[in-house]
Amino acid sequence: MTLEELRDKAFYQNTIDVWIMLCNEKGINSYDTDKYTKFISYLNSKGLKMQKFPLCIKESGGTFDRGMDKARFLDALSKIYSEDASAYTIKLSPDNISTLRKFFQ
């Protein structure tokens, strides 16, 4: 699934799902908490509007076939005490999608 397909499901998405889709697009392992925290730091540095999003670990796996990996990833993030390890909602506008993809360039 691409970020555009994810946007078709809902215009606002949480950064965990966005991270997973972006990594899938790029063929990169999404289960890297260090890269995720750098991703959130990057989004903040670019001034993207994000709102903190309370994401329940036990209820997070339903949408993706990698549900167990996602739950493990969220559990690992919950042990990191940093705002960059949190989940946020983000608007998947064309400009934001372009900025998201530039993280791996």
N, C-alpha and C. Protein backbone atom coordinates (compact mmCIF):
# COMPACT_ATOMS: atom_id res chain seq x y z
N MET A 1 0.84 -1.18 0.00
CA MET A 1 0.00 0.00 0.00
C MET A 1 0.89 1.25 0.00
N THR A 2 0.49 2.24 -0.76
CA THR A 2 1.25 3.49 -0.82
C THR A 2 0.64 4.51 0.15
N LEU A 3 1.35 5.61 0.35
CA LEU A 3 0.83 6.67 1.20
C LEU A 3 -0.46 7.25 0.63
N GLU A 4 -0.56 7.33 -0.69
CA GLU A 4 -1.78 7.82 -1.32
C GLU A 4 -2.96 6.88 -1.04
N GLU A 5 -2.71 5.58 -1.09
CA GLU A 5 -3.76 4.62 -0.78
C GLU A 5 -4.17 4.70 0.69
N LEU A 6 -3.20 4.93 1.56
CA LEU A 6 -3.50 5.12 2.97
C LEU A 6 -4.34 6.38 3.16
N ARG A 7 -4.01 7.45 2.44
CA ARG A 7 -4.77 8.69 2.50
C ARG A 7 -6.21 8.47 2.04
N ASP A 8 -6.41 7.60 1.04
CA ASP A 8 -7.76 7.32 0.57
C ASP A 8 -8.64 6.70 1.66
N LYS A 9 -8.03 6.01 2.61
CA LYS A 9 -8.77 5.42 3.73
C LYS A 9 -9.18 6.48 4.73
N ALA A 10 -8.29 7.45 4.98
CA ALA A 10 -8.57 8.58 5.88
C ALA A 10 -7.52 9.65 5.63
N PHE A 11 -7.96 10.89 5.52
CA PHE A 11 -7.06 11.99 5.19
C PHE A 11 -6.05 12.26 6.31
N TYR A 12 -6.45 12.01 7.55
CA TYR A 12 -5.55 12.13 8.70
C TYR A 12 -5.21 10.73 9.16
N GLN A 13 -3.91 10.48 9.35
CA GLN A 13 -3.44 9.16 9.77
C GLN A 13 -2.47 9.33 10.94
N ASN A 14 -2.28 8.25 11.68
CA ASN A 14 -1.29 8.33 12.75
C ASN A 14 0.10 8.05 12.17
N THR A 15 1.09 8.60 12.82
CA THR A 15 2.46 8.51 12.30
C THR A 15 3.02 7.10 12.32
N ILE A 16 2.48 6.23 13.15
CA ILE A 16 2.94 4.83 13.16
C ILE A 16 2.54 4.17 11.84
N ASP A 17 1.28 4.31 11.46
CA ASP A 17 0.83 3.71 10.19
C ASP A 17 1.52 4.35 9.00
N VAL A 18 1.72 5.67 9.07
CA VAL A 18 2.45 6.37 8.00
C VAL A 18 3.87 5.84 7.91
N TRP A 19 4.53 5.67 9.04
CA TRP A 19 5.90 5.15 9.08
C TRP A 19 5.97 3.76 8.44
N ILE A 20 5.03 2.89 8.81
CA ILE A 20 5.01 1.53 8.27
C ILE A 20 4.82 1.56 6.75
N MET A 21 3.88 2.37 6.26
CA MET A 21 3.63 2.45 4.82
C MET A 21 4.83 3.04 4.09
N LEU A 22 5.43 4.07 4.65
CA LEU A 22 6.60 4.69 4.03
C LEU A 22 7.76 3.69 3.94
N CYS A 23 7.98 2.96 5.02
CA CYS A 23 9.05 1.94 5.00
C CYS A 23 8.74 0.84 4.00
N ASN A 24 7.47 0.44 3.91
CA ASN A 24 7.08 -0.58 2.92
C ASN A 24 7.34 -0.08 1.51
N GLU A 25 7.02 1.19 1.24
CA GLU A 25 7.29 1.77 -0.08
C GLU A 25 8.77 1.72 -0.43
N LYS A 26 9.61 1.99 0.57
CA LYS A 26 11.05 2.09 0.36
C LYS A 26 11.78 0.75 0.55
N GLY A 27 11.04 -0.28 0.96
CA GLY A 27 11.67 -1.59 1.19
C GLY A 27 12.58 -1.60 2.40
N ILE A 28 12.21 -0.83 3.41
CA ILE A 28 13.04 -0.68 4.62
C ILE A 28 12.29 -1.31 5.79
N ASN A 29 13.02 -1.93 6.70
CA ASN A 29 12.43 -2.53 7.90
C ASN A 29 11.84 -1.42 8.77
N SER A 30 10.55 -1.49 9.04
CA SER A 30 9.89 -0.45 9.84
C SER A 30 10.09 -0.65 11.34
N TYR A 31 10.62 -1.82 11.75
CA TYR A 31 10.79 -2.10 13.17
C TYR A 31 12.15 -1.58 13.65
N ASP A 32 12.36 -0.29 13.51
CA ASP A 32 13.60 0.35 13.95
C ASP A 32 13.20 1.61 14.72
N THR A 33 13.16 1.50 16.03
CA THR A 33 12.70 2.60 16.85
C THR A 33 13.60 3.83 16.74
N ASP A 34 14.88 3.61 16.54
CA ASP A 34 15.80 4.74 16.39
C ASP A 34 15.47 5.54 15.13
N LYS A 35 15.23 4.84 14.03
CA LYS A 35 14.87 5.52 12.78
C LYS A 35 13.52 6.23 12.92
N TYR A 36 12.59 5.60 13.63
CA TYR A 36 11.28 6.24 13.82
C TYR A 36 11.43 7.55 14.60
N THR A 37 12.21 7.55 15.67
CA THR A 37 12.38 8.78 16.44
C THR A 37 13.07 9.85 15.61
N LYS A 38 14.00 9.45 14.74
CA LYS A 38 14.63 10.42 13.83
C LYS A 38 13.62 10.94 12.81
N PHE A 39 12.71 10.07 12.38
CA PHE A 39 11.65 10.46 11.45
C PHE A 39 10.75 11.53 12.08
N ILE A 40 10.33 11.32 13.32
CA ILE A 40 9.48 12.30 14.00
C ILE A 40 10.25 13.60 14.21
N SER A 41 11.50 13.51 14.57
CA SER A 41 12.33 14.71 14.71
C SER A 41 12.43 15.46 13.39
N TYR A 42 12.59 14.73 12.31
CA TYR A 42 12.64 15.32 10.96
C TYR A 42 11.33 16.04 10.64
N LEU A 43 10.19 15.39 10.93
CA LEU A 43 8.90 16.01 10.64
C LEU A 43 8.74 17.30 11.44
N ASN A 44 9.16 17.28 12.70
CA ASN A 44 9.10 18.49 13.52
C ASN A 44 10.00 19.59 12.95
N SER A 45 11.18 19.20 12.47
CA SER A 45 12.12 20.19 11.93
C SER A 45 11.58 20.83 10.65
N LYS A 46 10.71 20.12 9.94
CA LYS A 46 10.10 20.64 8.72
C LYS A 46 8.82 21.42 8.99
N GLY A 47 8.43 21.49 10.25
CA GLY A 47 7.26 22.29 10.63
C GLY A 47 5.92 21.66 10.29
N LEU A 48 5.87 20.35 10.08
CA LEU A 48 4.60 19.71 9.79
C LEU A 48 3.70 19.75 11.03
N LYS A 49 2.44 20.10 10.82
CA LYS A 49 1.49 20.15 11.93
C LYS A 49 1.12 18.72 12.32
N MET A 50 1.34 18.41 13.58
CA MET A 50 1.00 17.09 14.10
C MET A 50 0.37 17.27 15.47
N GLN A 51 -0.57 16.40 15.77
CA GLN A 51 -1.21 16.38 17.08
C GLN A 51 -0.90 15.03 17.73
N LYS A 52 -0.54 15.07 19.02
CA LYS A 52 -0.26 13.84 19.74
C LYS A 52 -1.50 12.94 19.66
N PHE A 53 -1.26 11.66 19.48
CA PHE A 53 -2.33 10.70 19.25
C PHE A 53 -2.17 9.53 20.21
N PRO A 54 -3.13 9.31 21.11
CA PRO A 54 -3.03 8.17 22.03
C PRO A 54 -3.37 6.87 21.27
N LEU A 55 -2.38 6.05 21.06
CA LEU A 55 -2.56 4.82 20.31
C LEU A 55 -2.44 3.64 21.25
N CYS A 56 -3.49 2.86 21.35
CA CYS A 56 -3.52 1.70 22.24
C CYS A 56 -2.77 0.54 21.57
N ILE A 57 -1.79 0.00 22.27
CA ILE A 57 -0.97 -1.07 21.72
C ILE A 57 -1.80 -2.29 21.36
N LYS A 58 -2.70 -2.70 22.23
CA LYS A 58 -3.47 -3.93 22.01
C LYS A 58 -4.46 -3.81 20.86
N GLU A 59 -4.88 -2.59 20.52
CA GLU A 59 -5.88 -2.43 19.48
C GLU A 59 -5.29 -1.90 18.19
N SER A 60 -3.98 -1.91 18.05
CA SER A 60 -3.35 -1.24 16.92
C SER A 60 -3.11 -2.13 15.70
N GLY A 61 -3.27 -3.42 15.81
CA GLY A 61 -2.85 -4.29 14.73
C GLY A 61 -3.88 -4.65 13.70
N GLY A 62 -5.13 -4.23 13.85
CA GLY A 62 -6.20 -4.70 12.99
C GLY A 62 -6.08 -4.36 11.52
N THR A 63 -5.56 -3.21 11.17
CA THR A 63 -5.56 -2.77 9.78
C THR A 63 -4.51 -3.48 8.93
N PHE A 64 -3.38 -3.81 9.51
CA PHE A 64 -2.26 -4.33 8.74
C PHE A 64 -2.03 -5.80 9.03
N ASP A 65 -1.59 -6.55 8.01
CA ASP A 65 -1.29 -7.96 8.21
C ASP A 65 -0.06 -8.12 9.09
N ARG A 66 0.68 -7.07 9.35
CA ARG A 66 1.84 -7.12 10.23
C ARG A 66 1.45 -6.66 11.63
N GLY A 67 0.22 -6.95 12.05
CA GLY A 67 -0.31 -6.48 13.33
C GLY A 67 0.55 -6.81 14.53
N MET A 68 1.08 -8.02 14.59
CA MET A 68 1.92 -8.40 15.73
C MET A 68 3.21 -7.60 15.74
N ASP A 69 3.83 -7.41 14.57
CA ASP A 69 5.04 -6.60 14.49
C ASP A 69 4.75 -5.17 14.92
N LYS A 70 3.60 -4.68 14.54
CA LYS A 70 3.21 -3.31 14.89
C LYS A 70 3.05 -3.20 16.41
N ALA A 71 2.41 -4.17 17.02
CA ALA A 71 2.24 -4.16 18.47
C ALA A 71 3.60 -4.24 19.18
N ARG A 72 4.49 -5.07 18.67
CA ARG A 72 5.84 -5.15 19.26
C ARG A 72 6.58 -3.83 19.10
N PHE A 73 6.44 -3.20 17.94
CA PHE A 73 7.07 -1.92 17.68
C PHE A 73 6.54 -0.85 18.65
N LEU A 74 5.23 -0.79 18.82
CA LEU A 74 4.64 0.17 19.75
C LEU A 74 5.08 -0.09 21.18
N ASP A 75 5.19 -1.36 21.55
CA ASP A 75 5.67 -1.70 22.89
C ASP A 75 7.10 -1.20 23.08
N ALA A 76 7.95 -1.39 22.08
CA ALA A 76 9.34 -0.91 22.16
C ALA A 76 9.38 0.61 22.25
N LEU A 77 8.54 1.30 21.48
CA LEU A 77 8.49 2.77 21.53
C LEU A 77 8.03 3.26 22.89
N SER A 78 7.13 2.52 23.53
CA SER A 78 6.59 2.95 24.82
C SER A 78 7.65 2.97 25.91
N LYS A 79 8.75 2.31 25.67
CA LYS A 79 9.84 2.26 26.66
C LYS A 79 10.86 3.38 26.45
N ILE A 80 10.66 4.18 25.40
CA ILE A 80 11.56 5.31 25.11
C ILE A 80 10.90 6.58 25.61
N TYR A 81 11.59 7.29 26.47
CA TYR A 81 11.03 8.50 27.07
C TYR A 81 11.46 9.73 26.30
N SER A 82 10.77 9.94 25.17
CA SER A 82 11.05 11.06 24.30
C SER A 82 9.78 11.40 23.54
N GLU A 83 9.55 12.68 23.29
CA GLU A 83 8.40 13.09 22.49
C GLU A 83 8.50 12.51 21.07
N ASP A 84 9.73 12.27 20.62
CA ASP A 84 9.93 11.72 19.28
C ASP A 84 9.55 10.24 19.18
N ALA A 85 9.26 9.61 20.31
CA ALA A 85 8.84 8.21 20.30
C ALA A 85 7.32 8.08 20.41
N SER A 86 6.62 9.19 20.35
CA SER A 86 5.16 9.20 20.46
C SER A 86 4.52 9.03 19.09
N ALA A 87 3.22 8.76 19.13
CA ALA A 87 2.41 8.71 17.90
C ALA A 87 1.68 10.04 17.76
N TYR A 88 1.53 10.48 16.54
CA TYR A 88 0.87 11.74 16.23
C TYR A 88 -0.09 11.52 15.07
N THR A 89 -1.05 12.42 14.90
CA THR A 89 -1.85 12.42 13.69
C THR A 89 -1.24 13.44 12.74
N ILE A 90 -1.30 13.10 11.48
CA ILE A 90 -0.73 13.96 10.45
C ILE A 90 -1.66 13.95 9.24
N LYS A 91 -1.77 15.10 8.61
CA LYS A 91 -2.61 15.24 7.41
C LYS A 91 -1.80 14.77 6.20
N LEU A 92 -2.37 13.87 5.42
CA LEU A 92 -1.67 13.34 4.26
C LEU A 92 -1.99 14.15 3.00
N SER A 93 -1.67 15.42 3.05
CA SER A 93 -1.80 16.29 1.88
C SER A 93 -0.67 15.95 0.90
N PRO A 94 -0.80 16.31 -0.37
CA PRO A 94 0.29 16.06 -1.32
C PRO A 94 1.63 16.66 -0.87
N ASP A 95 1.61 17.88 -0.32
CA ASP A 95 2.86 18.49 0.15
C ASP A 95 3.46 17.71 1.31
N ASN A 96 2.62 17.28 2.25
CA ASN A 96 3.12 16.50 3.38
C ASN A 96 3.67 15.15 2.93
N ILE A 97 2.99 14.50 1.99
CA ILE A 97 3.48 13.22 1.48
C ILE A 97 4.85 13.40 0.83
N SER A 98 5.01 14.47 0.09
CA SER A 98 6.32 14.76 -0.52
C SER A 98 7.40 14.92 0.55
N THR A 99 7.08 15.65 1.61
CA THR A 99 8.03 15.85 2.71
C THR A 99 8.33 14.53 3.40
N LEU A 100 7.32 13.71 3.62
CA LEU A 100 7.51 12.40 4.25
C LEU A 100 8.50 11.55 3.45
N ARG A 101 8.33 11.53 2.16
CA ARG A 101 9.19 10.70 1.31
C ARG A 101 10.63 11.21 1.27
N LYS A 102 10.82 12.48 1.46
CA LYS A 102 12.18 13.04 1.43
C LYS A 102 13.01 12.60 2.63
N PHE A 103 12.39 12.06 3.66
CA PHE A 103 13.14 11.59 4.83
C PHE A 103 14.19 10.57 4.44
N PHE A 104 13.88 9.69 3.48
CA PHE A 104 14.82 8.63 3.09
C PHE A 104 15.75 9.04 1.94
N GLN A 105 15.73 10.29 1.51
CA GLN A 105 16.60 10.70 0.42
C GLN A 105 17.92 11.22 0.93
